[in-house]
């Protein structure tokens, strides 16, 4: 294959360049961006706000509560910001304007606090902060630029009111804890008593206990459940037994009197009533539980 002439490639390049210029040279040059953007198309960044928060003060602001008897203790927090100052400069300006900000806070929030119950500092805190969210954005015109202040508050109850209600709140807490512990002990006594009733019934081959058997056996099961519960159940058992003995004695005497008088039908009726009553309260058929049983099986 013959060699290509040396100047041919150069000639083609010149022809392409000439055609390109003839086609696009009449397009106007792109005007500079009037916004002054950088070469990469990004706008110049605006200066950010600088924030400073006042240190908490130990001295609270006093705001009257409802009825003007007690006052809320109000602890303000001021957040300061500026777009024109450095942080160090803003810190010095904060000290200059903080007193004015505290006075303005009192003026704006006084009515909101005064409408609240003195025993409800949480409601007062919510009310005051709600007012400050709309009327608490203050600006101070400083020689170095504008300084903005945004306040929020924490509210505590009047110390005099706290001292007055403290004993009552302590009593309330004591009652709540006593009730809680009492419910726990009652639940425990119930669980253990039922467990011991099951043990006793199984040992005595009684099977399922009816109401009368439970009435007789609960005082014994209570002995294993809880000592205070045992004392109460024994006292209840003694009170019932005293009443039962008195009634049984009366029925016994009435039966004997009618039998001596020859009123055998009345005597028989009293006898049946006495037997039914003894069965119901567990006297007679279950009298074996009234006495302890010795280790060798003989009654004491």
C-alpha atoms as a PDB file:
ATOM      1  CA  UNK A   1       0.000   0.000   0.000  1.00  0.00           C
ATOM      2  CA  UNK A   2       1.376   3.440  -0.959  1.00  0.00           C
ATOM      3  CA  UNK A   3       2.278   5.983   1.715  1.00  0.00           C
ATOM      4  CA  UNK A   4      -0.292   8.784   2.402  1.00  0.00           C
ATOM      5  CA  UNK A   5       0.954  12.232   1.392  1.00  0.00           C
ATOM      6  CA  UNK A   6       2.450  14.113   4.332  1.00  0.00           C
ATOM      7  CA  UNK A   7       0.263  17.237   4.194  1.00  0.00           C
ATOM      8  CA  UNK A   8      -3.133  15.549   3.794  1.00  0.00           C
ATOM      9  CA  UNK A   9      -4.057  15.364   7.568  1.00  0.00           C
ATOM     10  CA  UNK A  10      -3.196  19.020   8.040  1.00  0.00           C
ATOM     11  CA  UNK A  11      -5.399  19.994   5.150  1.00  0.00           C
ATOM     12  CA  UNK A  12      -8.398  18.119   6.587  1.00  0.00           C
ATOM     13  CA  UNK A  13      -7.964  19.787   9.996  1.00  0.00           C
ATOM     14  CA  UNK A  14      -7.904  23.222   8.451  1.00  0.00           C
ATOM     15  CA  UNK A  15     -11.073  22.477   6.507  1.00  0.00           C
ATOM     16  CA  UNK A  16     -12.946  21.325   9.618  1.00  0.00           C
ATOM     17  CA  UNK A  17     -11.812  24.362  11.596  1.00  0.00           C
ATOM     18  CA  UNK A  18     -12.912  26.724   8.832  1.00  0.00           C
ATOM     19  CA  UNK A  19     -16.377  25.121   8.698  1.00  0.00           C
ATOM     20  CA  UNK A  20     -16.793  25.297  12.501  1.00  0.00           C
ATOM     21  CA  UNK A  21     -15.989  29.014  12.655  1.00  0.00           C
ATOM     22  CA  UNK A  22     -18.292  29.809   9.788  1.00  0.00           C
ATOM     23  CA  UNK A  23     -21.137  27.982  11.564  1.00  0.00           C
ATOM     24  CA  UNK A  24     -20.811  29.236  15.174  1.00  0.00           C
ATOM     25  CA  UNK A  25     -18.744  32.460  15.147  1.00  0.00           C
ATOM     26  CA  UNK A  26     -21.878  34.597  14.960  1.00  0.00           C
ATOM     27  CA  UNK A  27     -23.107  33.354  18.425  1.00  0.00           C
ATOM     28  CA  UNK A  28     -22.668  36.172  21.026  1.00  0.00           C
ATOM     29  CA  UNK A  29     -20.354  35.545  23.952  1.00  0.00           C
ATOM     30  CA  UNK A  30     -22.023  34.475  27.202  1.00  0.00           C
ATOM     31  CA  UNK A  31     -22.604  37.452  29.500  1.00  0.00           C
ATOM     32  CA  UNK A  32     -21.259  37.285  33.082  1.00  0.00           C
ATOM     33  CA  UNK A  33     -23.663  36.207  35.845  1.00  0.00           C
ATOM     34  CA  UNK A  34     -25.097  39.390  37.449  1.00  0.00           C
ATOM     35  CA  UNK A  35     -25.622  37.563  40.753  1.00  0.00           C
ATOM     36  CA  UNK A  36     -21.905  37.396  41.337  1.00  0.00           C
ATOM     37  CA  UNK A  37     -21.834  33.620  41.768  1.00  0.00           C
ATOM     38  CA  UNK A  38     -18.576  31.790  41.925  1.00  0.00           C
ATOM     39  CA  UNK A  39     -17.143  29.796  39.070  1.00  0.00           C
ATOM     40  CA  UNK A  40     -18.724  26.614  40.399  1.00  0.00           C
ATOM     41  CA  UNK A  41     -22.229  28.185  40.381  1.00  0.00           C
ATOM     42  CA  UNK A  42     -22.670  28.435  44.185  1.00  0.00           C
ATOM     43  CA  UNK A  43     -23.930  31.681  45.761  1.00  0.00           C
ATOM     44  CA  UNK A  44     -21.839  33.343  48.476  1.00  0.00           C
ATOM     45  CA  UNK A  45     -22.788  31.935  51.904  1.00  0.00           C
ATOM     46  CA  UNK A  46     -24.717  34.219  54.268  1.00  0.00           C
ATOM     47  CA  UNK A  47     -23.310  34.777  57.719  1.00  0.00           C
ATOM     48  CA  UNK A  48     -24.835  32.448  60.339  1.00  0.00           C
ATOM     49  CA  UNK A  49     -26.375  33.473  63.631  1.00  0.00           C
ATOM     50  CA  UNK A  50     -24.184  33.359  66.719  1.00  0.00           C
ATOM     51  CA  UNK A  51     -25.962  32.117  69.866  1.00  0.00           C
ATOM     52  CA  UNK A  52     -25.208  32.731  73.541  1.00  0.00           C
ATOM     53  CA  UNK A  53     -27.275  31.488  76.479  1.00  0.00           C
ATOM     54  CA  UNK A  54     -27.338  33.334  79.784  1.00  0.00           C
ATOM     55  CA  UNK A  55     -26.068  31.500  82.825  1.00  0.00           C
ATOM     56  CA  UNK A  56     -28.839  30.376  85.223  1.00  0.00           C
ATOM     57  CA  UNK A  57     -29.327  32.761  88.119  1.00  0.00           C
ATOM     58  CA  UNK A  58     -29.977  31.686  91.682  1.00  0.00           C
ATOM     59  CA  UNK A  59     -32.294  34.634  92.324  1.00  0.00           C
ATOM     60  CA  UNK A  60     -35.774  33.836  91.016  1.00  0.00           C
ATOM     61  CA  UNK A  61     -38.337  36.268  89.714  1.00  0.00           C
ATOM     62  CA  UNK A  62     -41.458  36.421  91.910  1.00  0.00           C
ATOM     63  CA  UNK A  63     -44.764  36.415  90.016  1.00  0.00           C
ATOM     64  CA  UNK A  64     -48.010  36.625  91.940  1.00  0.00           C
ATOM     65  CA  UNK A  65     -50.334  33.624  91.710  1.00  0.00           C
ATOM     66  CA  UNK A  66     -54.113  33.663  91.831  1.00  0.00           C
ATOM     67  CA  UNK A  67     -55.574  35.645  94.766  1.00  0.00           C
ATOM     68  CA  UNK A  68     -52.200  37.383  95.381  1.00  0.00           C
ATOM     69  CA  UNK A  69     -51.478  35.350  98.509  1.00  0.00           C
ATOM     70  CA  UNK A  70     -48.627  33.196  97.149  1.00  0.00           C
ATOM     71  CA  UNK A  71     -46.074  33.864  94.425  1.00  0.00           C
ATOM     72  CA  UNK A  72     -44.461  31.586  91.880  1.00  0.00           C
ATOM     73  CA  UNK A  73     -40.694  31.326  91.719  1.00  0.00           C
ATOM     74  CA  UNK A  74     -39.804  31.946  88.072  1.00  0.00           C
ATOM     75  CA  UNK A  75     -36.329  31.057  86.775  1.00  0.00           C
ATOM     76  CA  UNK A  76     -35.792  32.564  83.300  1.00  0.00           C
ATOM     77  CA  UNK A  77     -33.395  31.362  80.634  1.00  0.00           C
ATOM     78  CA  UNK A  78     -32.430  33.855  77.921  1.00  0.00           C
ATOM     79  CA  UNK A  79     -31.034  32.803  74.567  1.00  0.00           C
ATOM     80  CA  UNK A  80     -29.279  35.596  72.662  1.00  0.00           C
ATOM     81  CA  UNK A  81     -28.382  35.665  68.986  1.00  0.00           C
ATOM     82  CA  UNK A  82     -26.783  38.029  66.478  1.00  0.00           C
ATOM     83  CA  UNK A  83     -25.724  37.930  62.822  1.00  0.00           C
ATOM     84  CA  UNK A  84     -23.242  40.776  63.084  1.00  0.00           C
ATOM     85  CA  UNK A  85     -21.225  40.021  66.231  1.00  0.00           C
ATOM     86  CA  UNK A  86     -18.698  37.469  67.232  1.00  0.00           C
ATOM     87  CA  UNK A  87     -19.468  35.175  70.126  1.00  0.00           C
ATOM     88  CA  UNK A  88     -17.160  37.039  72.495  1.00  0.00           C
ATOM     89  CA  UNK A  89     -18.698  40.386  71.643  1.00  0.00           C
ATOM     90  CA  UNK A  90     -22.194  39.002  72.069  1.00  0.00           C
ATOM     91  CA  UNK A  91     -21.298  37.668  75.525  1.00  0.00           C
ATOM     92  CA  UNK A  92     -20.385  41.170  76.672  1.00  0.00           C
ATOM     93  CA  UNK A  93     -23.611  42.589  75.261  1.00  0.00           C
ATOM     94  CA  UNK A  94     -25.669  39.937  77.081  1.00  0.00           C
ATOM     95  CA  UNK A  95     -24.535  41.282  80.443  1.00  0.00           C
ATOM     96  CA  UNK A  96     -25.625  44.747  79.371  1.00  0.00           C
ATOM     97  CA  UNK A  97     -29.173  43.803  78.270  1.00  0.00           C
ATOM     98  CA  UNK A  98     -30.057  40.977  80.657  1.00  0.00           C
ATOM     99  CA  UNK A  99     -31.532  43.238  83.348  1.00  0.00           C
ATOM    100  CA  UNK A 100     -33.828  44.857  80.803  1.00  0.00           C
ATOM    101  CA  UNK A 101     -34.861  41.421  79.547  1.00  0.00           C
ATOM    102  CA  UNK A 102     -35.841  40.298  83.061  1.00  0.00           C
ATOM    103  CA  UNK A 103     -38.004  43.410  83.504  1.00  0.00           C
ATOM    104  CA  UNK A 104     -39.650  42.822  80.133  1.00  0.00           C
ATOM    105  CA  UNK A 105     -40.337  39.210  81.049  1.00  0.00           C
ATOM    106  CA  UNK A 106     -42.141  40.317  84.204  1.00  0.00           C
ATOM    107  CA  UNK A 107     -44.250  42.774  82.234  1.00  0.00           C
ATOM    108  CA  UNK A 108     -45.227  40.267  79.537  1.00  0.00           C
ATOM    109  CA  UNK A 109     -45.861  37.189  81.711  1.00  0.00           C
ATOM    110  CA  UNK A 110     -47.318  38.690  84.905  1.00  0.00           C
ATOM    111  CA  UNK A 111     -50.968  38.288  83.887  1.00  0.00           C
ATOM    112  CA  UNK A 112     -50.466  34.682  82.733  1.00  0.00           C
ATOM    113  CA  UNK A 113     -48.959  33.652  86.073  1.00  0.00           C
ATOM    114  CA  UNK A 114     -51.575  35.516  88.070  1.00  0.00           C
ATOM    115  CA  UNK A 115     -54.360  33.474  86.467  1.00  0.00           C
ATOM    116  CA  UNK A 116     -52.913  30.171  87.722  1.00  0.00           C
ATOM    117  CA  UNK A 117     -53.535  28.299  90.960  1.00  0.00           C
ATOM    118  CA  UNK A 118     -50.608  28.753  93.377  1.00  0.00           C
ATOM    119  CA  UNK A 119     -50.439  24.986  93.957  1.00  0.00           C
ATOM    120  CA  UNK A 120     -50.019  24.230  90.234  1.00  0.00           C
ATOM    121  CA  UNK A 121     -46.597  25.499  89.079  1.00  0.00           C
ATOM    122  CA  UNK A 122     -46.680  23.195  86.047  1.00  0.00           C
ATOM    123  CA  UNK A 123     -49.750  24.995  84.692  1.00  0.00           C
ATOM    124  CA  UNK A 124     -48.111  28.355  85.381  1.00  0.00           C
ATOM    125  CA  UNK A 125     -44.952  27.284  83.566  1.00  0.00           C
ATOM    126  CA  UNK A 126     -46.986  26.204  80.529  1.00  0.00           C
ATOM    127  CA  UNK A 127     -49.009  29.426  80.534  1.00  0.00           C
ATOM    128  CA  UNK A 128     -45.991  31.718  80.850  1.00  0.00           C
ATOM    129  CA  UNK A 129     -44.007  29.933  78.143  1.00  0.00           C
ATOM    130  CA  UNK A 130     -47.059  30.061  75.865  1.00  0.00           C
ATOM    131  CA  UNK A 131     -47.169  33.849  76.249  1.00  0.00           C
ATOM    132  CA  UNK A 132     -43.421  34.147  75.708  1.00  0.00           C
ATOM    133  CA  UNK A 133     -43.611  32.090  72.504  1.00  0.00           C
ATOM    134  CA  UNK A 134     -45.603  34.913  70.886  1.00  0.00           C
ATOM    135  CA  UNK A 135     -44.634  38.020  72.874  1.00  0.00           C
ATOM    136  CA  UNK A 136     -41.148  37.063  74.016  1.00  0.00           C
ATOM    137  CA  UNK A 137     -39.015  37.630  70.937  1.00  0.00           C
ATOM    138  CA  UNK A 138     -37.209  40.867  71.736  1.00  0.00           C
ATOM    139  CA  UNK A 139     -34.577  42.806  69.798  1.00  0.00           C
ATOM    140  CA  UNK A 140     -32.015  45.257  71.137  1.00  0.00           C
ATOM    141  CA  UNK A 141     -30.447  47.753  68.712  1.00  0.00           C
ATOM    142  CA  UNK A 142     -26.757  47.722  69.539  1.00  0.00           C
ATOM    143  CA  UNK A 143     -24.002  49.798  67.956  1.00  0.00           C
ATOM    144  CA  UNK A 144     -22.479  46.576  66.603  1.00  0.00           C
ATOM    145  CA  UNK A 145     -25.749  45.286  65.187  1.00  0.00           C
ATOM    146  CA  UNK A 146     -29.070  43.832  66.225  1.00  0.00           C
ATOM    147  CA  UNK A 147     -29.219  41.536  69.287  1.00  0.00           C
ATOM    148  CA  UNK A 148     -32.183  39.153  69.569  1.00  0.00           C
ATOM    149  CA  UNK A 149     -33.396  37.654  72.874  1.00  0.00           C
ATOM    150  CA  UNK A 150     -35.666  34.584  73.231  1.00  0.00           C
ATOM    151  CA  UNK A 151     -36.747  33.759  76.832  1.00  0.00           C
ATOM    152  CA  UNK A 152     -38.154  30.597  78.421  1.00  0.00           C
ATOM    153  CA  UNK A 153     -38.916  29.932  82.098  1.00  0.00           C
ATOM    154  CA  UNK A 154     -39.018  27.237  84.759  1.00  0.00           C
ATOM    155  CA  UNK A 155     -41.562  27.710  87.550  1.00  0.00           C
ATOM    156  CA  UNK A 156     -41.563  26.419  91.119  1.00  0.00           C
ATOM    157  CA  UNK A 157     -44.165  26.688  93.868  1.00  0.00           C
ATOM    158  CA  UNK A 158     -43.946  29.280  96.616  1.00  0.00           C
ATOM    159  CA  UNK A 159     -41.644  28.016  99.442  1.00  0.00           C
ATOM    160  CA  UNK A 160     -44.256  28.957 102.057  1.00  0.00           C
ATOM    161  CA  UNK A 161     -46.877  26.869 100.263  1.00  0.00           C
ATOM    162  CA  UNK A 162     -44.431  23.992  99.879  1.00  0.00           C
ATOM    163  CA  UNK A 163     -43.796  23.911 103.610  1.00  0.00           C
ATOM    164  CA  UNK A 164     -47.532  23.957 104.280  1.00  0.00           C
ATOM    165  CA  UNK A 165     -48.473  21.082 101.963  1.00  0.00           C
ATOM    166  CA  UNK A 166     -45.371  18.942 102.542  1.00  0.00           C
ATOM    167  CA  UNK A 167     -46.756  17.019 105.579  1.00  0.00           C
ATOM    168  CA  UNK A 168     -49.987  16.280 103.722  1.00  0.00           C
ATOM    169  CA  UNK A 169     -48.154  14.974 100.696  1.00  0.00           C
ATOM    170  CA  UNK A 170     -46.004  12.799 102.926  1.00  0.00           C
ATOM    171  CA  UNK A 171     -49.162  11.399 104.563  1.00  0.00           C
ATOM    172  CA  UNK A 172     -50.617  10.734 101.128  1.00  0.00           C
ATOM    173  CA  UNK A 173     -47.495   8.861 100.052  1.00  0.00           C
ATOM    174  CA  UNK A 174     -47.557   6.871 103.290  1.00  0.00           C
ATOM    175  CA  UNK A 175     -51.181   5.878 102.699  1.00  0.00           C
ATOM    176  CA  UNK A 176     -50.460   4.864  99.118  1.00  0.00           C
ATOM    177  CA  UNK A 177     -47.488   2.735 100.138  1.00  0.00           C
ATOM    178  CA  UNK A 178     -49.424   1.200 103.028  1.00  0.00           C
ATOM    179  CA  UNK A 179     -52.242   0.294 100.689  1.00  0.00           C
ATOM    180  CA  UNK A 180     -49.838  -1.163  98.148  1.00  0.00           C
ATOM    181  CA  UNK A 181     -48.070  -3.281 100.759  1.00  0.00           C
ATOM    182  CA  UNK A 182     -51.397  -4.304 102.287  1.00  0.00           C
ATOM    183  CA  UNK A 183     -52.641  -5.553  98.925  1.00  0.00           C
ATOM    184  CA  UNK A 184     -49.422  -7.493  98.420  1.00  0.00           C
ATOM    185  CA  UNK A 185     -49.695  -9.075 101.869  1.00  0.00           C
ATOM    186  CA  UNK A 186     -53.394  -9.874 101.376  1.00  0.00           C
ATOM    187  CA  UNK A 187     -52.653 -11.536  98.041  1.00  0.00           C
ATOM    188  CA  UNK A 188     -49.813 -13.474  99.609  1.00  0.00           C
ATOM    189  CA  UNK A 189     -51.971 -14.568 102.571  1.00  0.00           C
ATOM    190  CA  UNK A 190     -54.725 -15.683 100.209  1.00  0.00           C
ATOM    191  CA  UNK A 191     -52.335 -17.684  98.048  1.00  0.00           C
ATOM    192  CA  UNK A 192     -50.617 -19.367 100.989  1.00  0.00           C
ATOM    193  CA  UNK A 193     -53.891 -20.069 102.812  1.00  0.00           C
ATOM    194  CA  UNK A 194     -55.338 -21.756  99.733  1.00  0.00           C
ATOM    195  CA  UNK A 195     -52.156 -23.774  99.346  1.00  0.00           C
ATOM    196  CA  UNK A 196     -52.266 -24.974 102.966  1.00  0.00           C
ATOM    197  CA  UNK A 197     -55.997 -25.728 102.747  1.00  0.00           C
ATOM    198  CA  UNK A 198     -55.215 -27.975  99.808  1.00  0.00           C
ATOM    199  CA  UNK A 199     -52.489 -29.722 101.817  1.00  0.00           C
ATOM    200  CA  UNK A 200     -54.790 -30.250 104.822  1.00  0.00           C
ATOM    201  CA  UNK A 201     -57.681 -31.489 102.699  1.00  0.00           C
ATOM    202  CA  UNK A 202     -55.467 -33.951 100.877  1.00  0.00           C
ATOM    203  CA  UNK A 203     -53.921 -35.235 104.096  1.00  0.00           C
ATOM    204  CA  UNK A 204     -57.362 -35.691 105.695  1.00  0.00           C
ATOM    205  CA  UNK A 205     -58.776 -37.240 102.487  1.00  0.00           C
ATOM    206  CA  UNK A 206     -61.519 -34.617 102.395  1.00  0.00           C
ATOM    207  CA  UNK A 207     -61.373 -33.891  98.681  1.00  0.00           C
ATOM    208  CA  UNK A 208     -63.100 -30.671  97.717  1.00  0.00           C
ATOM    209  CA  UNK A 209     -63.903 -28.496 100.746  1.00  0.00           C
ATOM    210  CA  UNK A 210     -67.389 -27.074 101.102  1.00  0.00           C
ATOM    211  CA  UNK A 211     -68.140 -23.720 102.769  1.00  0.00           C
ATOM    212  CA  UNK A 212     -68.486 -25.170 106.288  1.00  0.00           C
ATOM    213  CA  UNK A 213     -65.278 -27.185 106.095  1.00  0.00           C
ATOM    214  CA  UNK A 214     -63.383 -24.134 104.828  1.00  0.00           C
ATOM    215  CA  UNK A 215     -64.748 -22.053 107.712  1.00  0.00           C
ATOM    216  CA  UNK A 216     -63.315 -24.558 110.170  1.00  0.00           C
ATOM    217  CA  UNK A 217     -59.989 -25.167 108.473  1.00  0.00           C
ATOM    218  CA  UNK A 218     -59.033 -21.623 107.419  1.00  0.00           C
ATOM    219  CA  UNK A 219     -57.807 -20.604 110.933  1.00  0.00           C
ATOM    220  CA  UNK A 220     -55.399 -23.547 110.896  1.00  0.00           C
ATOM    221  CA  UNK A 221     -54.155 -22.845 107.380  1.00  0.00           C
ATOM    222  CA  UNK A 222     -53.752 -19.158 108.305  1.00  0.00           C
ATOM    223  CA  UNK A 223     -51.192 -20.176 110.908  1.00  0.00           C
ATOM    224  CA  UNK A 224     -48.803 -21.104 108.091  1.00  0.00           C
ATOM    225  CA  UNK A 225     -49.735 -18.173 105.848  1.00  0.00           C
ATOM    226  CA  UNK A 226     -49.125 -15.062 107.981  1.00  0.00           C
ATOM    227  CA  UNK A 227     -48.875 -14.408 111.713  1.00  0.00           C
ATOM    228  CA  UNK A 228     -51.018 -11.275 111.750  1.00  0.00           C
ATOM    229  CA  UNK A 229     -53.537 -12.962 109.496  1.00  0.00           C
ATOM    230  CA  UNK A 230     -53.507 -15.933 111.884  1.00  0.00           C
ATOM    231  CA  UNK A 231     -54.350 -13.702 114.852  1.00  0.00           C
ATOM    232  CA  UNK A 232     -57.266 -12.125 113.001  1.00  0.00           C
ATOM    233  CA  UNK A 233     -58.662 -15.479 111.893  1.00  0.00           C
ATOM    234  CA  UNK A 234     -58.338 -16.900 115.409  1.00  0.00           C
ATOM    235  CA  UNK A 235     -60.162 -13.879 116.836  1.00  0.00           C
ATOM    236  CA  UNK A 236     -62.908 -14.305 114.233  1.00  0.00           C
ATOM    237  CA  UNK A 237     -63.127 -18.007 115.028  1.00  0.00           C
ATOM    238  CA  UNK A 238     -63.374 -17.278 118.753  1.00  0.00           C
ATOM    239  CA  UNK A 239     -66.092 -14.674 118.233  1.00  0.00           C
ATOM    240  CA  UNK A 240     -68.091 -17.056 116.071  1.00  0.00           C
ATOM    241  CA  UNK A 241     -67.641 -19.916 118.512  1.00  0.00           C
ATOM    242  CA  UNK A 242     -68.910 -17.788 121.413  1.00  0.00           C
ATOM    243  CA  UNK A 243     -72.046 -16.925 119.470  1.00  0.00           C
ATOM    244  CA  UNK A 244     -72.482 -20.521 118.345  1.00  0.00           C
ATOM    245  CA  UNK A 245     -72.124 -21.892 121.863  1.00  0.00           C
ATOM    246  CA  UNK A 246     -74.718 -19.432 123.178  1.00  0.00           C
ATOM    247  CA  UNK A 247     -77.192 -20.376 120.461  1.00  0.00           C
ATOM    248  CA  UNK A 248     -76.572 -24.125 120.851  1.00  0.00           C
ATOM    249  CA  UNK A 249     -77.120 -23.819 124.605  1.00  0.00           C
ATOM    250  CA  UNK A 250     -80.391 -21.948 124.035  1.00  0.00           C
ATOM    251  CA  UNK A 251     -81.649 -24.562 121.555  1.00  0.00           C
ATOM    252  CA  UNK A 252     -80.593 -27.375 123.901  1.00  0.00           C
ATOM    253  CA  UNK A 253     -82.468 -25.802 126.812  1.00  0.00           C
ATOM    254  CA  UNK A 254     -85.571 -25.181 124.722  1.00  0.00           C
ATOM    255  CA  UNK A 255     -85.643 -28.795 123.568  1.00  0.00           C
ATOM    256  CA  UNK A 256     -85.328 -30.096 127.139  1.00  0.00           C
ATOM    257  CA  UNK A 257     -87.984 -27.729 128.479  1.00  0.00           C
ATOM    258  CA  UNK A 258     -90.518 -28.736 125.825  1.00  0.00           C
ATOM    259  CA  UNK A 259     -89.741 -32.415 126.321  1.00  0.00           C
ATOM    260  CA  UNK A 260     -90.324 -32.167 130.085  1.00  0.00           C
ATOM    261  CA  UNK A 261     -93.596 -30.367 129.416  1.00  0.00           C
ATOM    262  CA  UNK A 262     -94.758 -33.197 127.144  1.00  0.00           C
ATOM    263  CA  UNK A 263     -94.602 -31.062 124.015  1.00  0.00           C
ATOM    264  CA  UNK A 264     -92.741 -33.747 122.112  1.00  0.00           C
ATOM    265  CA  UNK A 265     -93.476 -32.270 118.674  1.00  0.00           C
ATOM    266  CA  UNK A 266     -91.891 -28.961 119.689  1.00  0.00           C
ATOM    267  CA  UNK A 267     -88.999 -30.835 121.317  1.00  0.00           C
ATOM    268  CA  UNK A 268     -88.461 -32.807 118.117  1.00  0.00           C
ATOM    269  CA  UNK A 269     -88.517 -29.609 116.053  1.00  0.00           C
ATOM    270  CA  UNK A 270     -85.911 -28.010 118.308  1.00  0.00           C
ATOM    271  CA  UNK A 271     -83.807 -31.148 118.109  1.00  0.00           C
ATOM    272  CA  UNK A 272     -83.853 -31.100 114.300  1.00  0.00           C
ATOM    273  CA  UNK A 273     -83.063 -27.396 114.263  1.00  0.00           C
ATOM    274  CA  UNK A 274     -80.186 -27.979 116.647  1.00  0.00           C
ATOM    275  CA  UNK A 275     -78.788 -30.815 114.506  1.00  0.00           C
ATOM    276  CA  UNK A 276     -79.098 -28.776 111.312  1.00  0.00           C
ATOM    277  CA  UNK A 277     -77.413 -25.784 112.903  1.00  0.00           C
ATOM    278  CA  UNK A 278     -74.563 -27.908 114.257  1.00  0.00           C
ATOM    279  CA  UNK A 279     -74.009 -29.401 110.814  1.00  0.00           C
ATOM    280  CA  UNK A 280     -74.027 -25.959 109.211  1.00  0.00           C
ATOM    281  CA  UNK A 281     -71.507 -24.376 111.566  1.00  0.00           C
ATOM    282  CA  UNK A 282     -69.405 -27.495 111.874  1.00  0.00           C
ATOM    283  CA  UNK A 283     -70.122 -28.334 115.477  1.00  0.00           C
ATOM    284  CA  UNK A 284     -70.525 -32.080 115.966  1.00  0.00           C
ATOM    285  CA  UNK A 285     -69.669 -33.659 112.606  1.00  0.00           C
ATOM    286  CA  UNK A 286     -66.374 -31.771 112.469  1.00  0.00           C
ATOM    287  CA  UNK A 287     -65.641 -31.310 116.142  1.00  0.00           C
ATOM    288  CA  UNK A 288     -62.396 -33.212 115.648  1.00  0.00           C
ATOM    289  CA  UNK A 289     -60.770 -30.025 114.375  1.00  0.00           C
ATOM    290  CA  UNK A 290     -61.445 -28.177 117.629  1.00  0.00           C
ATOM    291  CA  UNK A 291     -58.636 -30.008 119.452  1.00  0.00           C
ATOM    292  CA  UNK A 292     -55.085 -30.642 118.399  1.00  0.00           C
ATOM    293  CA  UNK A 293     -54.064 -34.203 117.698  1.00  0.00           C
ATOM    294  CA  UNK A 294     -51.062 -35.700 119.475  1.00  0.00           C
ATOM    295  CA  UNK A 295     -48.197 -37.269 117.574  1.00  0.00           C
ATOM    296  CA  UNK A 296     -49.305 -40.783 118.475  1.00  0.00           C
ATOM    297  CA  UNK A 297     -52.805 -40.103 117.144  1.00  0.00           C
ATOM    298  CA  UNK A 298     -54.557 -39.728 120.533  1.00  0.00           C
ATOM    299  CA  UNK A 299     -56.573 -36.552 121.248  1.00  0.00           C
ATOM    300  CA  UNK A 300     -54.996 -34.245 123.805  1.00  0.00           C
END
